[in-house]
N, C-alpha and C. Protein backbone atom coordinates (compact mmCIF):
# COMPACT_ATOMS: atom_id res chain seq x y z
N UNK A 1 30.38 30.42 -19.31
CA UNK A 1 28.97 30.74 -18.85
C UNK A 1 29.02 29.34 -20.26
N UNK A 2 28.32 28.12 -19.81
CA UNK A 2 28.43 26.95 -20.41
C UNK A 2 27.26 26.88 -21.18
N UNK A 3 28.23 26.04 -22.95
CA UNK A 3 27.21 26.24 -24.06
C UNK A 3 24.62 25.44 -23.96
N UNK A 4 24.78 26.41 -24.95
CA UNK A 4 22.82 25.82 -24.42
C UNK A 4 22.73 23.95 -24.71
N UNK A 5 23.66 23.58 -25.69
CA UNK A 5 23.47 22.37 -24.81
C UNK A 5 23.84 21.58 -24.42
N UNK A 6 25.15 22.35 -22.98
CA UNK A 6 25.30 22.07 -21.58
C UNK A 6 23.98 21.86 -21.18
N UNK A 7 23.23 22.70 -21.20
CA UNK A 7 21.98 23.18 -19.91
C UNK A 7 20.93 22.76 -20.56
N UNK A 8 20.60 21.49 -22.04
CA UNK A 8 19.79 21.12 -22.23
C UNK A 8 19.98 19.41 -21.55
N UNK A 9 21.50 19.24 -22.34
CA UNK A 9 22.33 17.41 -20.87
C UNK A 9 21.75 17.81 -19.62
N UNK A 10 22.04 18.70 -19.08
CA UNK A 10 21.85 19.01 -17.28
C UNK A 10 20.40 18.71 -17.78
N UNK A 11 19.41 19.23 -18.53
CA UNK A 11 18.30 19.18 -17.34
C UNK A 11 16.71 18.53 -18.12
N UNK A 12 17.52 17.43 -18.49
CA UNK A 12 17.24 15.79 -19.54
C UNK A 12 17.25 15.51 -18.36
N UNK A 13 19.24 14.93 -17.40
CA UNK A 13 19.74 14.71 -16.78
C UNK A 13 18.14 14.88 -15.68
N UNK A 14 18.49 15.74 -14.83
CA UNK A 14 17.71 16.20 -13.78
C UNK A 14 15.16 15.72 -14.05
N UNK A 15 15.41 15.86 -15.77
CA UNK A 15 14.66 15.26 -15.60
C UNK A 15 14.09 13.65 -15.96
N UNK A 16 15.32 13.03 -15.74
CA UNK A 16 15.54 11.43 -15.84
C UNK A 16 15.35 11.25 -14.23
N UNK A 17 16.02 12.21 -13.26
CA UNK A 17 16.38 11.16 -12.17
C UNK A 17 14.71 11.60 -11.44
N UNK A 18 14.30 12.18 -11.77
CA UNK A 18 13.09 12.39 -11.25
C UNK A 18 12.44 11.70 -11.49
N UNK A 19 12.22 11.72 -12.54
CA UNK A 19 11.11 10.60 -13.42
C UNK A 19 11.30 8.41 -12.75
N UNK A 20 12.35 8.72 -12.72
CA UNK A 20 13.31 7.28 -10.95
C UNK A 20 12.74 7.29 -10.23
N UNK A 21 12.96 8.54 -9.65
CA UNK A 21 12.45 8.71 -8.17
C UNK A 21 11.04 8.20 -7.91
N UNK A 22 10.34 9.02 -9.17
CA UNK A 22 8.68 8.77 -9.42
C UNK A 22 8.32 7.50 -9.41
N UNK A 23 9.27 7.01 -10.18
CA UNK A 23 8.63 5.11 -10.60
C UNK A 23 8.90 4.40 -9.21
N UNK A 24 10.04 4.67 -8.57
CA UNK A 24 10.64 3.51 -7.26
C UNK A 24 9.28 4.36 -6.20
N UNK A 25 8.40 5.34 -6.18
CA UNK A 25 7.64 6.21 -5.45
C UNK A 25 6.14 5.36 -5.84
N UNK A 26 5.67 4.81 -6.88
CA UNK A 26 4.68 4.67 -7.34
C UNK A 26 4.83 2.81 -6.92
N UNK A 27 6.15 2.62 -7.37
CA UNK A 27 6.67 0.78 -6.60
C UNK A 27 6.18 0.31 -5.94
N UNK A 28 7.21 0.87 -4.43
CA UNK A 28 6.92 0.89 -3.78
C UNK A 28 5.24 1.38 -2.66
N UNK A 29 4.11 2.12 -3.14
CA UNK A 29 3.25 2.54 -2.84
C UNK A 29 2.23 1.04 -3.48
N UNK A 30 2.25 0.58 -4.45
CA UNK A 30 1.68 -0.68 -4.70
C UNK A 30 2.42 -1.69 -4.25
N UNK A 31 3.40 -2.31 -3.75
CA UNK A 31 3.47 -3.25 -2.65
C UNK A 31 2.98 -2.87 -1.61
N UNK A 32 3.08 -2.15 -1.01
CA UNK A 32 2.23 -1.37 0.21
C UNK A 32 1.05 -1.73 0.10
N UNK A 33 0.31 -1.12 -0.79
CA UNK A 33 -1.28 -1.51 -1.11
C UNK A 33 -1.02 -3.10 -1.13
N UNK A 34 -0.60 -3.80 -1.70
CA UNK A 34 -0.62 -5.16 -1.55
C UNK A 34 -0.62 -6.07 -0.97
N UNK A 35 -0.12 -5.54 -0.10
CA UNK A 35 0.14 -6.21 1.31
C UNK A 35 -0.58 -6.42 2.47
N UNK A 36 -1.00 -4.79 1.88
CA UNK A 36 -2.13 -4.60 2.73
C UNK A 36 -4.04 -5.08 2.56
N UNK A 37 -3.78 -5.13 1.37
CA UNK A 37 -4.94 -5.59 0.50
C UNK A 37 -4.83 -7.01 1.70
N UNK A 38 -3.55 -7.84 1.03
CA UNK A 38 -3.24 -9.60 1.41
C UNK A 38 -3.91 -9.57 2.66
N UNK A 39 -2.96 -8.80 3.63
CA UNK A 39 -3.64 -8.98 5.01
C UNK A 39 -4.68 -9.00 5.57
N UNK A 40 -5.83 -7.85 4.53
CA UNK A 40 -6.98 -7.54 5.44
C UNK A 40 -7.52 -8.96 4.88
N UNK A 41 -7.50 -9.04 3.52
CA UNK A 41 -8.42 -10.39 3.42
C UNK A 41 -7.92 -12.28 3.40
N UNK A 42 -7.41 -12.19 4.41
CA UNK A 42 -6.34 -13.32 5.08
C UNK A 42 -7.93 -14.09 6.07
N UNK A 43 -8.03 -15.73 5.65
CA UNK A 43 -8.38 -15.41 6.38
C UNK A 43 -8.89 -15.68 8.24
N UNK A 44 -9.65 -15.55 9.17
CA UNK A 44 -9.48 -15.48 10.60
C UNK A 44 -7.87 -16.56 10.74
N UNK A 45 -7.70 -16.49 11.92
CA UNK A 45 -7.13 -17.30 12.58
C UNK A 45 -7.90 -17.89 13.27
N UNK A 46 -8.14 -17.45 14.85
CA UNK A 46 -9.10 -17.46 15.65
C UNK A 46 -10.19 -16.76 15.70
N UNK A 47 -11.67 -17.27 16.40
CA UNK A 47 -13.26 -17.21 16.31
C UNK A 47 -13.23 -15.49 17.10
N UNK A 48 -14.29 -15.15 16.05
CA UNK A 48 -14.71 -13.73 16.69
C UNK A 48 -15.03 -14.37 18.06
N UNK A 49 -14.95 -12.81 19.34
CA UNK A 49 -15.06 -13.01 20.45
C UNK A 49 -15.86 -12.59 20.63
N UNK A 50 -17.21 -13.33 22.38
CA UNK A 50 -18.70 -13.97 22.34
C UNK A 50 -19.33 -12.84 22.61
N UNK A 51 -18.76 -11.69 22.37
CA UNK A 51 -20.15 -10.30 22.44
C UNK A 51 -20.60 -10.18 21.32
N UNK A 52 -19.47 -10.05 19.98
CA UNK A 52 -19.68 -9.55 18.77
C UNK A 52 -21.11 -11.28 17.74
N UNK A 53 -21.42 -10.70 17.65
CA UNK A 53 -22.98 -11.50 16.60
C UNK A 53 -22.66 -11.35 15.64
N UNK A 54 -23.24 -13.14 15.35
CA UNK A 54 -23.26 -13.04 12.90
C UNK A 54 -23.35 -12.29 12.48
N UNK A 55 -24.36 -11.82 13.27
CA UNK A 55 -24.92 -10.22 12.34
C UNK A 55 -24.23 -8.90 12.48
N UNK A 56 -23.21 -9.27 13.52
CA UNK A 56 -22.23 -7.48 13.40
C UNK A 56 -21.15 -8.19 12.20
N UNK A 57 -20.93 -9.38 12.21
CA UNK A 57 -18.64 -9.62 10.77
C UNK A 57 -19.75 -8.40 9.30
N UNK A 58 -18.53 -8.27 9.20
CA UNK A 58 -18.35 -7.70 7.57
C UNK A 58 -18.94 -8.77 7.08
N UNK A 59 -18.50 -9.80 7.03
CA UNK A 59 -18.66 -11.24 5.55
C UNK A 59 -18.88 -12.26 6.64
N UNK A 60 -19.67 -13.45 6.06
CA UNK A 60 -20.73 -14.15 6.84
C UNK A 60 -18.07 -14.88 7.64
N UNK A 61 -18.71 -15.18 9.13
CA UNK A 61 -17.00 -16.46 8.85
C UNK A 61 -15.99 -15.31 9.43
N UNK A 62 -15.90 -13.96 8.96
CA UNK A 62 -15.01 -13.29 8.77
C UNK A 62 -15.05 -12.12 10.82
N UNK A 63 -13.73 -12.55 11.31
CA UNK A 63 -12.96 -12.20 12.88
C UNK A 63 -12.84 -10.53 12.01
N UNK A 64 -13.60 -9.37 13.92
CA UNK A 64 -12.99 -8.14 13.53
C UNK A 64 -11.58 -7.31 13.40
N UNK A 65 -11.29 -8.84 13.75
CA UNK A 65 -9.26 -8.98 14.19
C UNK A 65 -8.68 -9.61 12.35
N UNK A 66 -7.58 -8.93 12.34
CA UNK A 66 -7.25 -9.33 10.61
C UNK A 66 -6.24 -9.35 11.08
N UNK A 67 -5.37 -10.65 11.00
CA UNK A 67 -3.77 -10.48 11.15
C UNK A 67 -3.11 -9.13 11.21
N UNK A 68 -2.66 -8.73 11.38
CA UNK A 68 -2.56 -7.24 11.88
C UNK A 68 -2.65 -6.28 12.44
N UNK A 69 -3.78 -5.94 11.94
CA UNK A 69 -4.44 -4.83 11.54
C UNK A 69 -6.02 -5.46 12.78
N UNK A 70 -6.14 -4.00 13.41
CA UNK A 70 -7.54 -3.80 14.55
C UNK A 70 -8.30 -2.76 14.07
N UNK A 71 -9.15 -3.63 13.66
CA UNK A 71 -10.21 -2.42 12.72
C UNK A 71 -11.65 -2.42 13.63
N UNK A 72 -12.19 -1.35 14.43
CA UNK A 72 -13.73 -2.17 14.85
C UNK A 72 -15.22 -2.81 13.88
N UNK A 73 -15.65 -3.15 14.28
CA UNK A 73 -16.57 -4.17 13.78
C UNK A 73 -18.10 -2.88 13.68
């Protein structure tokens, strides 16, 4: 049987490993959110389709199709 100090050492290492995994997941999530926000707010590269009127657009001059995403008006 291991002494108490060895169990404490192993337990603290497990906590450290879990905190590193959590840190990596939070960082990856933040990167994905930033990429999504940048793509969504990018200026349109093409004019809106003919069947969409100006009052249907969410913002003046913004097209419903943003680079990489398709969203309904």
